[in-house]
Amino acid sequence: MAAVVQYLICLDAVVYSEDAVLHQLAQNREVARKSWLRKKAYVQQSESSKLKLASLEQEIQKARQQVKYARWLEEQNKQINELRTAVNAHASDSDLRLIVDGIMAHYDEIFRLKGVAAKADISSLPGNLYMLID
């Protein structure tokens, strides 16, 4: 009888041991699942941040192009007014030629800026920039 009791005690220990192993495996699976979910959320958040950063960089680039274009327009207006003043004052042909050459160089600058912007991102060009091509 003692042998039977000893056998039952050993059998209970094995069953308890198997239950403990199964419980530990279940806990490990749950911890792994939670870890995977945290990693997935982190990766998604990182990708979202990366896209937002790229969008902000494009906006900054577009703003820079618009500022450059606004400065160019301001300078163009100054040069046109200078040309009008010179024509009204009956300036010499050589003086007029210098002013016109300056205006032409100024237009070369806008086409250079336009080329740089087109290489960076065609959608960043202000729409009225193409109106200069007339």
Protein backbone atom coordinates (compact mmCIF):
# COMPACT_ATOMS: atom_id res chain seq x y z
CA MET A 1 0.00 0.00 0.00
CA ALA A 2 2.85 2.36 0.75
CA ALA A 3 4.07 1.81 -2.77
CA VAL A 4 0.69 2.83 -4.18
CA VAL A 5 0.63 5.99 -2.05
CA GLN A 6 4.19 6.78 -3.12
CA TYR A 7 3.18 6.26 -6.76
CA LEU A 8 0.15 8.55 -6.40
CA ILE A 9 2.30 11.26 -4.78
CA CYS A 10 4.76 11.04 -7.68
CA LEU A 11 1.86 11.10 -10.15
CA ASP A 12 0.43 14.24 -8.49
CA ALA A 13 3.86 15.89 -8.65
CA VAL A 14 4.12 15.13 -12.37
CA VAL A 15 0.61 16.47 -13.03
CA TYR A 16 1.36 19.55 -10.95
CA SER A 17 4.63 19.96 -12.78
CA GLU A 18 2.92 19.67 -16.19
CA ASP A 19 0.26 22.20 -15.14
CA ALA A 20 2.99 24.59 -13.99
CA VAL A 21 4.84 24.18 -17.28
CA LEU A 22 1.64 24.77 -19.27
CA HIS A 23 0.84 27.81 -17.14
CA GLN A 24 4.36 29.18 -17.64
CA LEU A 25 4.12 28.61 -21.40
CA ALA A 26 0.79 30.45 -21.49
CA GLN A 27 2.31 33.36 -19.56
CA ASN A 28 5.29 33.44 -21.92
CA ARG A 29 2.95 33.54 -24.94
CA GLU A 30 1.00 36.42 -23.42
CA VAL A 31 4.18 38.36 -22.62
CA ALA A 32 5.46 37.74 -26.17
CA ARG A 33 2.12 38.88 -27.64
CA LYS A 34 2.17 42.10 -25.60
CA SER A 35 5.78 42.72 -26.58
CA TRP A 36 4.89 42.21 -30.25
CA LEU A 37 1.97 44.65 -29.94
CA ARG A 38 4.22 47.27 -28.30
CA LYS A 39 6.80 46.83 -31.05
CA LYS A 40 4.11 47.08 -33.73
CA ALA A 41 2.77 50.29 -32.18
CA TYR A 42 6.31 51.71 -31.93
CA VAL A 43 7.06 50.92 -35.58
CA GLN A 44 3.77 52.45 -36.72
CA GLN A 45 4.41 55.56 -34.66
CA SER A 46 7.95 55.82 -36.04
CA GLU A 47 6.70 55.49 -39.62
CA SER A 48 4.03 58.11 -38.96
CA SER A 49 6.63 60.46 -37.48
CA LYS A 50 8.89 59.89 -40.48
CA LEU A 51 6.08 60.79 -42.90
CA LYS A 52 5.19 63.87 -40.87
CA LEU A 53 8.83 64.97 -40.84
CA ALA A 54 9.08 64.53 -44.62
CA SER A 55 5.91 66.57 -45.04
CA LEU A 56 7.26 69.35 -42.82
CA GLU A 57 10.54 69.37 -44.74
CA GLN A 58 8.59 69.78 -48.00
CA GLU A 59 6.59 72.64 -46.50
CA ILE A 60 9.79 74.36 -45.38
CA GLN A 61 11.30 73.93 -48.83
CA LYS A 62 8.15 75.31 -50.45
CA ALA A 63 8.19 78.30 -48.09
CA ARG A 64 11.84 78.97 -48.93
CA GLN A 65 11.05 78.91 -52.64
CA GLN A 66 8.14 81.31 -52.12
CA VAL A 67 10.37 83.69 -50.15
CA LYS A 68 12.99 83.59 -52.90
CA TYR A 69 10.30 84.25 -55.50
CA ALA A 70 8.88 87.16 -53.48
CA ARG A 71 12.36 88.69 -53.24
CA TRP A 72 12.83 88.18 -56.96
CA LEU A 73 9.52 89.94 -57.71
CA GLU A 74 10.47 92.84 -55.46
CA GLU A 75 13.79 93.22 -57.25
CA GLN A 76 12.05 92.95 -60.64
CA ASN A 77 9.70 95.78 -59.73
CA LYS A 78 12.65 97.94 -58.70
CA GLN A 79 14.43 97.26 -61.98
CA ILE A 80 11.33 97.95 -64.08
CA ASN A 81 10.79 101.23 -62.24
CA GLU A 82 14.45 102.10 -62.82
CA LEU A 83 14.00 101.40 -66.54
CA ARG A 84 10.84 103.54 -66.71
CA THR A 85 12.59 106.39 -64.94
CA ALA A 86 15.56 106.15 -67.32
CA VAL A 87 13.29 106.11 -70.39
CA ASN A 88 11.28 109.08 -69.12
CA ALA A 89 14.51 110.94 -68.38
CA HIS A 90 15.71 110.27 -71.96
CA ALA A 91 18.78 108.37 -70.76
CA SER A 92 21.44 107.44 -73.27
CA ASP A 93 21.33 104.16 -75.14
CA SER A 94 24.33 102.85 -73.20
CA ASP A 95 22.63 103.61 -69.88
CA LEU A 96 19.44 101.92 -71.06
CA ARG A 97 21.48 98.96 -72.27
CA LEU A 98 23.05 98.53 -68.82
CA ILE A 99 19.63 98.55 -67.18
CA VAL A 100 18.19 96.06 -69.69
CA ASP A 101 21.22 93.79 -69.25
CA GLY A 102 20.62 93.87 -65.50
CA ILE A 103 16.97 92.93 -66.02
CA MET A 104 17.97 90.07 -68.34
CA ALA A 105 20.46 88.79 -65.75
CA HIS A 106 17.68 89.00 -63.19
CA TYR A 107 15.46 86.82 -65.40
CA ASP A 108 18.33 84.35 -65.75
CA GLU A 109 18.32 84.11 -61.95
CA ILE A 110 14.60 83.22 -61.81
CA PHE A 111 15.07 80.51 -64.41
CA ARG A 112 17.97 79.13 -62.39
CA LEU A 113 15.82 79.13 -59.24
CA LYS A 114 13.00 77.52 -61.17
CA GLY A 115 15.32 74.76 -62.37
CA VAL A 116 16.53 74.08 -58.82
CA ALA A 117 12.95 73.95 -57.56
CA ALA A 118 11.86 71.65 -60.38
CA LYS A 119 14.67 69.24 -59.57
CA ALA A 120 13.65 69.26 -55.89
CA ASP A 121 9.87 68.98 -56.37
CA ILE A 122 7.84 70.28 -59.29
CA SER A 123 4.78 70.77 -57.07
CA SER A 124 6.69 73.29 -54.96
CA LEU A 125 6.80 75.84 -57.77
CA PRO A 126 4.40 78.74 -57.34
CA GLY A 127 1.80 78.64 -60.09
CA ASN A 128 2.44 82.19 -61.26
CA LEU A 129 6.11 81.37 -61.82
CA TYR A 130 5.17 79.94 -65.21
CA MET A 131 3.53 83.21 -66.19
CA LEU A 132 6.99 84.73 -66.53
CA ILE A 133 7.66 82.68 -69.66
CA ASP A 134 5.43 84.83 -71.90
